[in-house]
Amino acid sequence: MESNKTNFLLGMFVSSLIGANLLGNKITEIFGIRTSVGVFLFPILFLITDIVEEVHGKEKAKSFVYVALLCQIFIFLMVYLAIIAPPNPAWGNQEAYESVFYASMRIIIASIVAFFISQIHDVWAFQFWKNKTKGKYLWLRNNLSTIASQFIDTTIFMFIAFYMANPKFDISFIFTLILPYWLLKVLFALCDTPFVYLGVRWLKR
């Protein structure tokens, strides 16, 4: 049963990452902040690694990151192959198809790099604060590790995805995108604290 639960979390981890990348082109607005719809899925990644690390340890959490990274790279290659595959003459949607998925290519590259660096930092930071607190205050290490890692993720992602996409997207403008987006992620991180406790209890049971 424990193995099934861990496998379920791994499946949710990978599907949340891929879903966030493929759906992330759409922009919505939350509390007046323009944001990608991927913001609903990315907090799940940090939630799951914190649950897994709390129960199974640092190395197991890192294995989740490596598996998801390989899956993400695989999807990137498949998206590229799908784009360049010659369309059947009777199918008239190649232009629309390219407009959607070519836009995703830079987003996916940005996401791959930002995901890997931020998640490795999150795993390290969670263990760091666990050692500092002698295994107490799960809520504290969950939030401290996630908040810092989300800033790393947001900063790297924004610069790779949008820097100089047009002349307006210079360094100062990118930071005007980073700060509200990161604060929104912080809000989601604070809200998921009860779910960390529930997830740890469920995985241990």
N, C-alpha and C. Protein backbone atom coordinates (compact mmCIF):
# COMPACT_ATOMS: atom_id res chain seq x y z
N MET A 1 0.84 -1.21 0.00
CA MET A 1 0.00 0.00 0.00
C MET A 1 0.87 1.25 0.00
N GLU A 2 1.93 1.24 0.82
CA GLU A 2 2.80 2.41 0.87
C GLU A 2 3.42 2.69 -0.49
N SER A 3 3.83 1.61 -1.20
CA SER A 3 4.41 1.79 -2.53
C SER A 3 3.38 2.38 -3.49
N ASN A 4 2.13 1.92 -3.39
CA ASN A 4 1.08 2.45 -4.27
C ASN A 4 0.86 3.94 -4.01
N LYS A 5 0.89 4.33 -2.75
CA LYS A 5 0.70 5.74 -2.42
C LYS A 5 1.84 6.59 -2.98
N THR A 6 3.06 6.08 -2.84
CA THR A 6 4.21 6.82 -3.35
C THR A 6 4.16 6.92 -4.87
N ASN A 7 3.76 5.83 -5.53
CA ASN A 7 3.63 5.85 -6.99
C ASN A 7 2.54 6.83 -7.43
N PHE A 8 1.45 6.88 -6.67
CA PHE A 8 0.39 7.84 -6.97
C PHE A 8 0.91 9.27 -6.90
N LEU A 9 1.69 9.58 -5.87
CA LEU A 9 2.25 10.92 -5.72
C LEU A 9 3.22 11.23 -6.86
N LEU A 10 3.99 10.24 -7.29
CA LEU A 10 4.90 10.45 -8.41
C LEU A 10 4.11 10.74 -9.68
N GLY A 11 3.03 10.01 -9.89
CA GLY A 11 2.18 10.28 -11.06
C GLY A 11 1.58 11.67 -11.03
N MET A 12 1.12 12.10 -9.86
CA MET A 12 0.57 13.44 -9.71
C MET A 12 1.65 14.50 -9.93
N PHE A 13 2.86 14.21 -9.48
CA PHE A 13 3.98 15.13 -9.61
C PHE A 13 4.31 15.36 -11.09
N VAL A 14 4.46 14.27 -11.82
CA VAL A 14 4.82 14.37 -13.24
C VAL A 14 3.68 15.01 -14.05
N SER A 15 2.45 14.58 -13.80
CA SER A 15 1.32 15.11 -14.58
C SER A 15 1.09 16.59 -14.28
N SER A 16 1.32 17.02 -13.04
CA SER A 16 1.17 18.44 -12.70
C SER A 16 2.21 19.29 -13.43
N LEU A 17 3.43 18.77 -13.51
CA LEU A 17 4.50 19.49 -14.20
C LEU A 17 4.21 19.61 -15.69
N ILE A 18 3.86 18.50 -16.32
CA ILE A 18 3.59 18.52 -17.76
C ILE A 18 2.34 19.35 -18.06
N GLY A 19 1.32 19.21 -17.22
CA GLY A 19 0.10 19.99 -17.41
C GLY A 19 0.35 21.48 -17.31
N ALA A 20 1.16 21.88 -16.34
CA ALA A 20 1.47 23.30 -16.16
C ALA A 20 2.19 23.86 -17.38
N ASN A 21 3.06 23.06 -17.98
CA ASN A 21 3.81 23.52 -19.16
C ASN A 21 2.92 23.62 -20.39
N LEU A 22 2.07 22.63 -20.60
CA LEU A 22 1.25 22.61 -21.81
C LEU A 22 0.09 23.61 -21.74
N LEU A 23 -0.38 23.87 -20.53
CA LEU A 23 -1.52 24.79 -20.39
C LEU A 23 -1.09 26.22 -20.09
N GLY A 24 0.20 26.40 -19.79
CA GLY A 24 0.66 27.66 -19.23
C GLY A 24 0.63 28.87 -20.14
N ASN A 25 0.33 28.69 -21.43
CA ASN A 25 0.28 29.85 -22.33
C ASN A 25 -0.90 30.77 -22.06
N LYS A 26 -1.95 30.22 -21.47
CA LYS A 26 -3.14 31.04 -21.22
C LYS A 26 -2.89 31.94 -20.01
N ILE A 27 -3.24 33.21 -20.15
CA ILE A 27 -3.08 34.18 -19.07
C ILE A 27 -4.44 34.49 -18.46
N THR A 28 -4.51 34.42 -17.14
CA THR A 28 -5.71 34.78 -16.42
C THR A 28 -5.38 35.90 -15.44
N GLU A 29 -6.30 36.23 -14.57
CA GLU A 29 -6.06 37.29 -13.60
C GLU A 29 -6.60 36.86 -12.24
N ILE A 30 -5.75 36.95 -11.22
CA ILE A 30 -6.12 36.59 -9.85
C ILE A 30 -5.74 37.74 -8.93
N PHE A 31 -6.70 38.28 -8.21
CA PHE A 31 -6.46 39.42 -7.33
C PHE A 31 -5.77 40.58 -8.06
N GLY A 32 -6.14 40.77 -9.31
CA GLY A 32 -5.56 41.85 -10.09
C GLY A 32 -4.20 41.55 -10.67
N ILE A 33 -3.70 40.34 -10.47
CA ILE A 33 -2.37 39.96 -10.97
C ILE A 33 -2.53 39.10 -12.22
N ARG A 34 -1.91 39.53 -13.32
CA ARG A 34 -1.92 38.73 -14.54
C ARG A 34 -0.99 37.54 -14.34
N THR A 35 -1.52 36.35 -14.56
CA THR A 35 -0.73 35.16 -14.29
C THR A 35 -1.11 34.02 -15.23
N SER A 36 -0.16 33.13 -15.45
CA SER A 36 -0.42 31.93 -16.23
C SER A 36 -1.33 31.00 -15.43
N VAL A 37 -2.16 30.25 -16.16
CA VAL A 37 -3.01 29.28 -15.47
C VAL A 37 -2.17 28.14 -14.86
N GLY A 38 -0.91 28.06 -15.26
CA GLY A 38 -0.01 27.08 -14.65
C GLY A 38 0.21 27.30 -13.17
N VAL A 39 -0.14 28.49 -12.67
CA VAL A 39 0.05 28.79 -11.26
C VAL A 39 -0.80 27.89 -10.37
N PHE A 40 -1.85 27.30 -10.94
CA PHE A 40 -2.69 26.40 -10.16
C PHE A 40 -2.03 25.03 -9.96
N LEU A 41 -1.08 24.70 -10.83
CA LEU A 41 -0.46 23.38 -10.78
C LEU A 41 0.93 23.37 -10.14
N PHE A 42 1.70 24.44 -10.32
CA PHE A 42 3.07 24.43 -9.80
C PHE A 42 3.17 24.28 -8.29
N PRO A 43 2.27 24.86 -7.48
CA PRO A 43 2.36 24.64 -6.03
C PRO A 43 2.26 23.16 -5.64
N ILE A 44 1.58 22.36 -6.48
CA ILE A 44 1.45 20.94 -6.18
C ILE A 44 2.82 20.26 -6.18
N LEU A 45 3.73 20.74 -7.04
CA LEU A 45 5.07 20.14 -7.13
C LEU A 45 5.81 20.27 -5.80
N PHE A 46 5.80 21.47 -5.24
CA PHE A 46 6.50 21.70 -3.98
C PHE A 46 5.80 21.00 -2.82
N LEU A 47 4.49 20.93 -2.89
CA LEU A 47 3.72 20.22 -1.87
C LEU A 47 4.11 18.74 -1.83
N ILE A 48 4.17 18.13 -3.01
CA ILE A 48 4.45 16.70 -3.07
C ILE A 48 5.88 16.39 -2.64
N THR A 49 6.87 17.16 -3.09
CA THR A 49 8.25 16.86 -2.68
C THR A 49 8.43 17.03 -1.18
N ASP A 50 7.74 18.00 -0.58
CA ASP A 50 7.85 18.18 0.87
C ASP A 50 7.22 17.01 1.61
N ILE A 51 6.08 16.52 1.12
CA ILE A 51 5.44 15.36 1.75
C ILE A 51 6.34 14.14 1.65
N VAL A 52 6.87 13.89 0.45
CA VAL A 52 7.70 12.71 0.23
C VAL A 52 9.00 12.80 1.03
N GLU A 53 9.61 13.97 1.06
CA GLU A 53 10.86 14.11 1.81
C GLU A 53 10.63 13.94 3.30
N GLU A 54 9.52 14.43 3.81
CA GLU A 54 9.24 14.29 5.24
C GLU A 54 9.09 12.83 5.64
N VAL A 55 8.49 12.03 4.75
CA VAL A 55 8.22 10.62 5.09
C VAL A 55 9.36 9.70 4.65
N HIS A 56 9.85 9.90 3.43
CA HIS A 56 10.81 8.95 2.85
C HIS A 56 12.24 9.48 2.78
N GLY A 57 12.44 10.76 3.03
CA GLY A 57 13.79 11.28 3.05
C GLY A 57 14.19 12.04 1.79
N LYS A 58 15.35 12.66 1.88
CA LYS A 58 15.85 13.55 0.83
C LYS A 58 16.07 12.85 -0.50
N GLU A 59 16.66 11.65 -0.46
CA GLU A 59 17.00 10.97 -1.71
C GLU A 59 15.76 10.57 -2.50
N LYS A 60 14.70 10.17 -1.79
CA LYS A 60 13.46 9.81 -2.48
C LYS A 60 12.85 11.03 -3.16
N ALA A 61 12.88 12.16 -2.46
CA ALA A 61 12.35 13.39 -3.05
C ALA A 61 13.14 13.78 -4.28
N LYS A 62 14.46 13.65 -4.23
CA LYS A 62 15.29 13.97 -5.38
C LYS A 62 15.00 13.04 -6.56
N SER A 63 14.68 11.78 -6.26
CA SER A 63 14.36 10.85 -7.35
C SER A 63 13.10 11.29 -8.08
N PHE A 64 12.13 11.88 -7.35
CA PHE A 64 10.94 12.43 -8.00
C PHE A 64 11.33 13.53 -8.99
N VAL A 65 12.27 14.38 -8.57
CA VAL A 65 12.71 15.50 -9.41
C VAL A 65 13.38 14.97 -10.68
N TYR A 66 14.23 13.97 -10.55
CA TYR A 66 14.94 13.43 -11.70
C TYR A 66 13.98 12.75 -12.68
N VAL A 67 13.04 11.98 -12.15
CA VAL A 67 12.06 11.31 -13.02
C VAL A 67 11.23 12.35 -13.79
N ALA A 68 10.76 13.37 -13.08
CA ALA A 68 9.95 14.41 -13.72
C ALA A 68 10.75 15.18 -14.75
N LEU A 69 12.04 15.41 -14.48
CA LEU A 69 12.90 16.11 -15.43
C LEU A 69 13.01 15.32 -16.73
N LEU A 70 13.23 14.02 -16.63
CA LEU A 70 13.34 13.19 -17.83
C LEU A 70 12.03 13.16 -18.60
N CYS A 71 10.91 13.08 -17.88
CA CYS A 71 9.60 13.10 -18.55
C CYS A 71 9.37 14.43 -19.26
N GLN A 72 9.81 15.50 -18.62
CA GLN A 72 9.63 16.83 -19.21
C GLN A 72 10.45 16.98 -20.48
N ILE A 73 11.68 16.49 -20.47
CA ILE A 73 12.53 16.54 -21.65
C ILE A 73 11.92 15.69 -22.78
N PHE A 74 11.40 14.53 -22.42
CA PHE A 74 10.75 13.65 -23.40
C PHE A 74 9.57 14.35 -24.07
N ILE A 75 8.73 15.01 -23.27
CA ILE A 75 7.57 15.72 -23.82
C ILE A 75 8.02 16.86 -24.72
N PHE A 76 9.09 17.56 -24.33
CA PHE A 76 9.62 18.64 -25.16
C PHE A 76 10.02 18.11 -26.53
N LEU A 77 10.70 16.98 -26.56
CA LEU A 77 11.13 16.40 -27.83
C LEU A 77 9.93 15.95 -28.67
N MET A 78 8.92 15.40 -28.00
CA MET A 78 7.73 14.95 -28.71
C MET A 78 6.93 16.13 -29.28
N VAL A 79 6.87 17.22 -28.54
CA VAL A 79 6.19 18.42 -29.03
C VAL A 79 6.90 18.94 -30.28
N TYR A 80 8.24 18.97 -30.22
CA TYR A 80 9.01 19.44 -31.36
C TYR A 80 8.80 18.54 -32.58
N LEU A 81 8.80 17.22 -32.35
CA LEU A 81 8.59 16.27 -33.44
C LEU A 81 7.20 16.46 -34.05
N ALA A 82 6.20 16.68 -33.20
CA ALA A 82 4.83 16.87 -33.68
C ALA A 82 4.71 18.13 -34.53
N ILE A 83 5.46 19.15 -34.16
CA ILE A 83 5.41 20.41 -34.91
C ILE A 83 6.02 20.26 -36.30
N ILE A 84 7.17 19.60 -36.38
CA ILE A 84 7.89 19.54 -37.65
C ILE A 84 7.38 18.42 -38.56
N ALA A 85 6.56 17.50 -38.01
CA ALA A 85 6.02 16.43 -38.86
C ALA A 85 5.15 17.03 -39.97
N PRO A 86 5.38 16.64 -41.24
CA PRO A 86 4.60 17.22 -42.35
C PRO A 86 3.10 16.95 -42.18
N PRO A 87 2.27 17.98 -42.27
CA PRO A 87 0.83 17.77 -42.12
C PRO A 87 0.21 17.16 -43.38
N ASN A 88 -0.82 16.41 -43.19
CA ASN A 88 -1.58 15.91 -44.33
C ASN A 88 -2.26 17.09 -45.03
N PRO A 89 -2.23 17.13 -46.37
CA PRO A 89 -2.82 18.28 -47.09
C PRO A 89 -4.28 18.54 -46.75
N ALA A 90 -5.00 17.48 -46.36
CA ALA A 90 -6.43 17.66 -46.04
C ALA A 90 -6.63 18.29 -44.66
N TRP A 91 -5.57 18.34 -43.89
CA TRP A 91 -5.68 18.91 -42.53
C TRP A 91 -5.21 20.36 -42.56
N GLY A 92 -6.09 21.28 -42.28
CA GLY A 92 -5.76 22.68 -42.48
C GLY A 92 -5.44 23.46 -41.23
N ASN A 93 -4.99 22.78 -40.20
CA ASN A 93 -4.78 23.47 -38.92
C ASN A 93 -3.32 23.59 -38.52
N GLN A 94 -2.39 23.37 -39.47
CA GLN A 94 -0.98 23.41 -39.10
C GLN A 94 -0.56 24.77 -38.54
N GLU A 95 -1.06 25.83 -39.13
CA GLU A 95 -0.67 27.17 -38.67
C GLU A 95 -1.14 27.43 -37.24
N ALA A 96 -2.37 27.06 -36.97
CA ALA A 96 -2.90 27.24 -35.62
C ALA A 96 -2.15 26.34 -34.63
N TYR A 97 -1.85 25.11 -35.08
CA TYR A 97 -1.12 24.15 -34.25
C TYR A 97 0.25 24.70 -33.88
N GLU A 98 0.94 25.25 -34.87
CA GLU A 98 2.27 25.82 -34.62
C GLU A 98 2.18 27.04 -33.72
N SER A 99 1.15 27.87 -33.90
CA SER A 99 1.04 29.08 -33.09
C SER A 99 0.89 28.75 -31.61
N VAL A 100 0.22 27.63 -31.33
CA VAL A 100 0.04 27.22 -29.94
C VAL A 100 1.31 26.56 -29.40
N PHE A 101 1.83 25.58 -30.14
CA PHE A 101 2.91 24.77 -29.59
C PHE A 101 4.30 25.37 -29.78
N TYR A 102 4.51 26.20 -30.82
CA TYR A 102 5.79 26.89 -30.91
C TYR A 102 5.93 27.88 -29.77
N ALA A 103 4.84 28.49 -29.38
CA ALA A 103 4.87 29.40 -28.24
C ALA A 103 5.22 28.65 -26.97
N SER A 104 4.85 27.36 -26.94
CA SER A 104 5.14 26.55 -25.75
C SER A 104 6.60 26.14 -25.67
N MET A 105 7.34 26.15 -26.79
CA MET A 105 8.70 25.62 -26.79
C MET A 105 9.61 26.40 -25.85
N ARG A 106 9.61 27.74 -25.98
CA ARG A 106 10.47 28.54 -25.09
C ARG A 106 9.99 28.43 -23.65
N ILE A 107 8.67 28.35 -23.48
CA ILE A 107 8.09 28.19 -22.14
C ILE A 107 8.56 26.88 -21.52
N ILE A 108 8.54 25.81 -22.30
CA ILE A 108 8.94 24.50 -21.78
C ILE A 108 10.43 24.49 -21.43
N ILE A 109 11.27 25.09 -22.28
CA ILE A 109 12.71 25.16 -21.97
C ILE A 109 12.92 25.93 -20.67
N ALA A 110 12.25 27.07 -20.54
CA ALA A 110 12.36 27.86 -19.32
C ALA A 110 11.90 27.06 -18.12
N SER A 111 10.82 26.33 -18.30
CA SER A 111 10.27 25.55 -17.21
C SER A 111 11.20 24.41 -16.79
N ILE A 112 11.83 23.76 -17.78
CA ILE A 112 12.74 22.66 -17.48
C ILE A 112 13.88 23.15 -16.57
N VAL A 113 14.50 24.25 -16.97
CA VAL A 113 15.64 24.77 -16.21
C VAL A 113 15.19 25.27 -14.84
N ALA A 114 14.12 26.07 -14.81
CA ALA A 114 13.64 26.63 -13.55
C ALA A 114 13.16 25.54 -12.60
N PHE A 115 12.45 24.57 -13.15
CA PHE A 115 11.95 23.46 -12.34
C PHE A 115 13.09 22.72 -11.66
N PHE A 116 14.08 22.33 -12.44
CA PHE A 116 15.15 21.49 -11.88
C PHE A 116 15.93 22.24 -10.79
N ILE A 117 16.33 23.46 -11.07
CA ILE A 117 17.13 24.21 -10.09
C ILE A 117 16.32 24.50 -8.83
N SER A 118 15.07 24.94 -9.00
CA SER A 118 14.26 25.30 -7.83
C SER A 118 13.88 24.07 -7.01
N GLN A 119 13.62 22.95 -7.67
CA GLN A 119 13.24 21.76 -6.93
C GLN A 119 14.42 21.16 -6.16
N ILE A 120 15.59 21.17 -6.77
CA ILE A 120 16.77 20.69 -6.06
C ILE A 120 17.04 21.58 -4.85
N HIS A 121 16.87 22.89 -5.03
CA HIS A 121 17.02 23.80 -3.89
C HIS A 121 15.97 23.51 -2.82
N ASP A 122 14.73 23.25 -3.23
CA ASP A 122 13.66 22.99 -2.28
C ASP A 122 13.96 21.76 -1.44
N VAL A 123 14.44 20.70 -2.08
CA VAL A 123 14.78 19.47 -1.36
C VAL A 123 15.91 19.75 -0.36
N TRP A 124 16.92 20.48 -0.81
CA TRP A 124 18.03 20.83 0.08
C TRP A 124 17.56 21.70 1.25
N ALA A 125 16.77 22.74 0.94
CA ALA A 125 16.33 23.68 1.97
C ALA A 125 15.42 23.01 2.99
N PHE A 126 14.55 22.12 2.53
CA PHE A 126 13.66 21.41 3.45
C PHE A 126 14.48 20.61 4.44
N GLN A 127 15.50 19.89 3.96
CA GLN A 127 16.35 19.10 4.85
C GLN A 127 17.17 20.01 5.77
N PHE A 128 17.62 21.14 5.24
CA PHE A 128 18.39 22.11 6.05
C PHE A 128 17.56 22.59 7.24
N TRP A 129 16.33 23.00 6.99
CA TRP A 129 15.48 23.50 8.08
C TRP A 129 15.01 22.37 8.98
N LYS A 130 14.90 21.17 8.45
CA LYS A 130 14.54 20.03 9.31
C LYS A 130 15.64 19.75 10.31
N ASN A 131 16.89 19.86 9.85
CA ASN A 131 18.02 19.67 10.76
C ASN A 131 18.09 20.80 11.79
N LYS A 132 17.86 22.03 11.33
CA LYS A 132 17.92 23.18 12.23
C LYS A 132 16.85 23.11 13.32
N THR A 133 15.68 22.61 12.97
CA THR A 133 14.58 22.56 13.94
C THR A 133 14.49 21.20 14.63
N LYS A 134 15.46 20.33 14.36
CA LYS A 134 15.51 18.99 14.97
C LYS A 134 14.22 18.20 14.71
N GLY A 135 13.73 18.31 13.48
CA GLY A 135 12.56 17.55 13.08
C GLY A 135 11.23 18.12 13.53
N LYS A 136 11.24 19.28 14.16
CA LYS A 136 9.98 19.91 14.61
C LYS A 136 9.53 20.96 13.58
N TYR A 137 8.32 21.46 13.78
CA TYR A 137 7.78 22.59 13.01
C TYR A 137 7.77 22.29 11.50
N LEU A 138 7.03 21.28 11.15
CA LEU A 138 6.89 20.95 9.72
C LEU A 138 6.40 22.14 8.92
N TRP A 139 5.46 22.90 9.48
CA TRP A 139 4.90 24.06 8.77
C TRP A 139 5.98 25.08 8.43
N LEU A 140 6.99 25.21 9.32
CA LEU A 140 8.03 26.20 9.11
C LEU A 140 8.95 25.80 7.97
N ARG A 141 9.43 24.57 7.99
CA ARG A 141 10.35 24.16 6.93
C ARG A 141 9.63 24.03 5.59
N ASN A 142 8.38 23.64 5.63
CA ASN A 142 7.60 23.59 4.40
C ASN A 142 7.52 24.97 3.75
N ASN A 143 7.20 25.98 4.54
CA ASN A 143 7.02 27.32 3.98
C ASN A 143 8.34 28.02 3.66
N LEU A 144 9.34 27.89 4.51
CA LEU A 144 10.62 28.54 4.25
C LEU A 144 11.27 27.98 2.99
N SER A 145 11.25 26.66 2.86
CA SER A 145 11.88 26.06 1.68
C SER A 145 11.10 26.39 0.41
N THR A 146 9.77 26.35 0.50
CA THR A 146 8.95 26.60 -0.68
C THR A 146 9.00 28.05 -1.13
N ILE A 147 8.92 28.99 -0.19
CA ILE A 147 8.91 30.41 -0.54
C ILE A 147 10.20 30.80 -1.25
N ALA A 148 11.34 30.35 -0.72
CA ALA A 148 12.62 30.67 -1.36
C ALA A 148 12.73 29.99 -2.72
N SER A 149 12.32 28.74 -2.78
CA SER A 149 12.43 27.99 -4.03
C SER A 149 11.50 28.54 -5.10
N GLN A 150 10.31 29.01 -4.69
CA GLN A 150 9.40 29.62 -5.65
C GLN A 150 9.98 30.91 -6.24
N PHE A 151 10.72 31.65 -5.43
CA PHE A 151 11.36 32.86 -5.97
C PHE A 151 12.42 32.49 -7.00
N ILE A 152 13.20 31.46 -6.71
CA ILE A 152 14.21 30.98 -7.66
C ILE A 152 13.53 30.52 -8.94
N ASP A 153 12.48 29.73 -8.79
CA ASP A 153 11.75 29.20 -9.95
C ASP A 153 11.19 30.33 -10.80
N THR A 154 10.52 31.29 -10.16
CA THR A 154 9.89 32.39 -10.89
C THR A 154 10.91 33.25 -11.61
N THR A 155 12.01 33.57 -10.94
CA THR A 155 13.04 34.43 -11.53
C THR A 155 13.68 33.77 -12.75
N ILE A 156 14.11 32.53 -12.59
CA ILE A 156 14.75 31.83 -13.71
C ILE A 156 13.77 31.67 -14.87
N PHE A 157 12.55 31.27 -14.54
CA PHE A 157 11.55 31.05 -15.59
C PHE A 157 11.27 32.34 -16.37
N MET A 158 11.04 33.43 -15.68
CA MET A 158 10.68 34.68 -16.34
C MET A 158 11.80 35.17 -17.27
N PHE A 159 13.05 35.05 -16.81
CA PHE A 159 14.15 35.54 -17.63
C PHE A 159 14.35 34.67 -18.88
N ILE A 160 14.28 33.36 -18.72
CA ILE A 160 14.48 32.50 -19.89
C ILE A 160 13.29 32.60 -20.84
N ALA A 161 12.07 32.65 -20.30
CA ALA A 161 10.87 32.63 -21.14
C ALA A 161 10.61 33.95 -21.84
N PHE A 162 10.91 35.08 -21.17
CA PHE A 162 10.41 36.36 -21.69
C PHE A 162 11.47 37.44 -21.91
N TYR A 163 12.68 37.27 -21.38
CA TYR A 163 13.67 38.34 -21.51
C TYR A 163 13.93 38.65 -22.98
N MET A 164 13.73 39.91 -23.34
CA MET A 164 13.91 40.43 -24.69
C MET A 164 13.06 39.70 -25.74
N ALA A 165 11.94 39.13 -25.29
CA ALA A 165 10.98 38.59 -26.26
C ALA A 165 10.51 39.70 -27.19
N ASN A 166 10.45 40.91 -26.65
CA ASN A 166 10.35 42.13 -27.45
C ASN A 166 11.06 43.22 -26.65
N PRO A 167 11.34 44.37 -27.23
CA PRO A 167 12.16 45.38 -26.54
C PRO A 167 11.63 45.80 -25.17
N LYS A 168 10.35 45.66 -24.95
CA LYS A 168 9.76 46.03 -23.67
C LYS A 168 10.24 45.15 -22.53
N PHE A 169 10.58 43.92 -22.84
CA PHE A 169 10.89 42.93 -21.80
C PHE A 169 12.37 43.01 -21.40
N ASP A 170 12.76 44.15 -20.82
CA ASP A 170 14.12 44.30 -20.31
C ASP A 170 14.16 43.84 -18.85
N ILE A 171 15.31 44.00 -18.19
CA ILE A 171 15.48 43.48 -16.83
C ILE A 171 14.48 44.09 -15.86
N SER A 172 14.34 45.40 -15.90
CA SER A 172 13.43 46.06 -14.95
C SER A 172 11.99 45.61 -15.15
N PHE A 173 11.59 45.46 -16.41
CA PHE A 173 10.22 45.04 -16.67
C PHE A 173 10.00 43.59 -16.23
N ILE A 174 11.00 42.75 -16.44
CA ILE A 174 10.88 41.35 -16.02
C ILE A 174 10.64 41.27 -14.51
N PHE A 175 11.32 42.13 -13.74
CA PHE A 175 11.12 42.09 -12.29
C PHE A 175 9.74 42.58 -11.89
N THR A 176 9.13 43.43 -12.69
CA THR A 176 7.75 43.82 -12.40
C THR A 176 6.79 42.65 -12.63
N LEU A 177 7.22 41.67 -13.43
CA LEU A 177 6.43 40.45 -13.61
C LEU A 177 6.72 39.44 -12.51
N ILE A 178 7.99 39.37 -12.11
CA ILE A 178 8.42 38.36 -11.13
C ILE A 178 7.76 38.59 -9.77
N LEU A 179 7.80 39.81 -9.26
CA LEU A 179 7.39 40.05 -7.87
C LEU A 179 5.92 39.72 -7.61
N PRO A 180 4.97 40.24 -8.40
CA PRO A 180 3.58 39.87 -8.12
C PRO A 180 3.29 38.39 -8.34
N TYR A 181 3.92 37.80 -9.36
CA TYR A 181 3.72 36.38 -9.64
C TYR A 181 4.25 35.54 -8.49
N TRP A 182 5.42 35.92 -7.96
CA TRP A 182 6.00 35.21 -6.83
C TRP A 182 5.14 35.37 -5.58
N LEU A 183 4.64 36.57 -5.32
CA LEU A 183 3.78 36.80 -4.16
C LEU A 183 2.50 35.97 -4.24
N LEU A 184 2.00 35.80 -5.45
CA LEU A 184 0.83 34.95 -5.62
C LEU A 184 1.17 33.50 -5.29
N LYS A 185 2.35 33.06 -5.71
CA LYS A 185 2.79 31.71 -5.38
C LYS A 185 2.99 31.54 -3.88
N VAL A 186 3.50 32.59 -3.21
CA VAL A 186 3.67 32.55 -1.76
C VAL A 186 2.31 32.35 -1.09
N LEU A 187 1.30 33.05 -1.58
CA LEU A 187 -0.05 32.89 -1.03
C LEU A 187 -0.52 31.45 -1.17
N PHE A 188 -0.31 30.87 -2.34
CA PHE A 188 -0.69 29.47 -2.54
C PHE A 188 0.11 28.55 -1.60
N ALA A 189 1.39 28.86 -1.41
CA ALA A 189 2.24 28.04 -0.54
C ALA A 189 1.73 28.07 0.90
N LEU A 190 1.33 29.24 1.36
CA LEU A 190 0.80 29.35 2.72
C LEU A 190 -0.51 28.58 2.86
N CYS A 191 -1.32 28.61 1.82
CA CYS A 191 -2.61 27.92 1.85
C CYS A 191 -2.45 26.40 1.83
N ASP A 192 -1.33 25.90 1.27
CA ASP A 192 -1.20 24.44 1.17
C ASP A 192 -0.61 23.80 2.42
N THR A 193 -0.29 24.60 3.45
CA THR A 193 0.31 24.05 4.68
C THR A 193 -0.53 22.94 5.31
N PRO A 194 -1.85 23.12 5.46
CA PRO A 194 -2.65 22.01 6.02
C PRO A 194 -2.57 20.74 5.19
N PHE A 195 -2.42 20.90 3.87
CA PHE A 195 -2.36 19.73 3.00
C PHE A 195 -1.03 18.98 3.15
N VAL A 196 0.01 19.69 3.55
CA VAL A 196 1.28 19.01 3.86
C VAL A 196 1.08 18.06 5.04
N TYR A 197 0.45 18.55 6.09
CA TYR A 197 0.19 17.70 7.27
C TYR A 197 -0.72 16.53 6.92
N LEU A 198 -1.76 16.80 6.14
CA LEU A 198 -2.67 15.73 5.74
C LEU A 198 -1.95 14.70 4.86
N GLY A 199 -1.11 15.21 3.93
CA GLY A 199 -0.39 14.31 3.04
C GLY A 199 0.61 13.44 3.77
N VAL A 200 1.33 14.02 4.73
CA VAL A 200 2.30 13.26 5.52
C VAL A 200 1.58 12.19 6.34
N ARG A 201 0.47 12.58 6.95
CA ARG A 201 -0.30 11.61 7.75
C ARG A 201 -0.83 10.48 6.88
N TRP A 202 -1.34 10.84 5.69
CA TRP A 202 -1.86 9.82 4.77
C TRP A 202 -0.77 8.88 4.29
N LEU A 203 0.40 9.42 3.97
CA LEU A 203 1.48 8.59 3.44
C LEU A 203 2.07 7.68 4.52
N LYS A 204 2.10 8.17 5.75
CA LYS A 204 2.63 7.35 6.85
C LYS A 204 1.66 6.26 7.28
N ARG A 205 0.35 6.52 7.11
CA ARG A 205 -0.66 5.60 7.68
C ARG A 205 -0.64 4.26 6.98
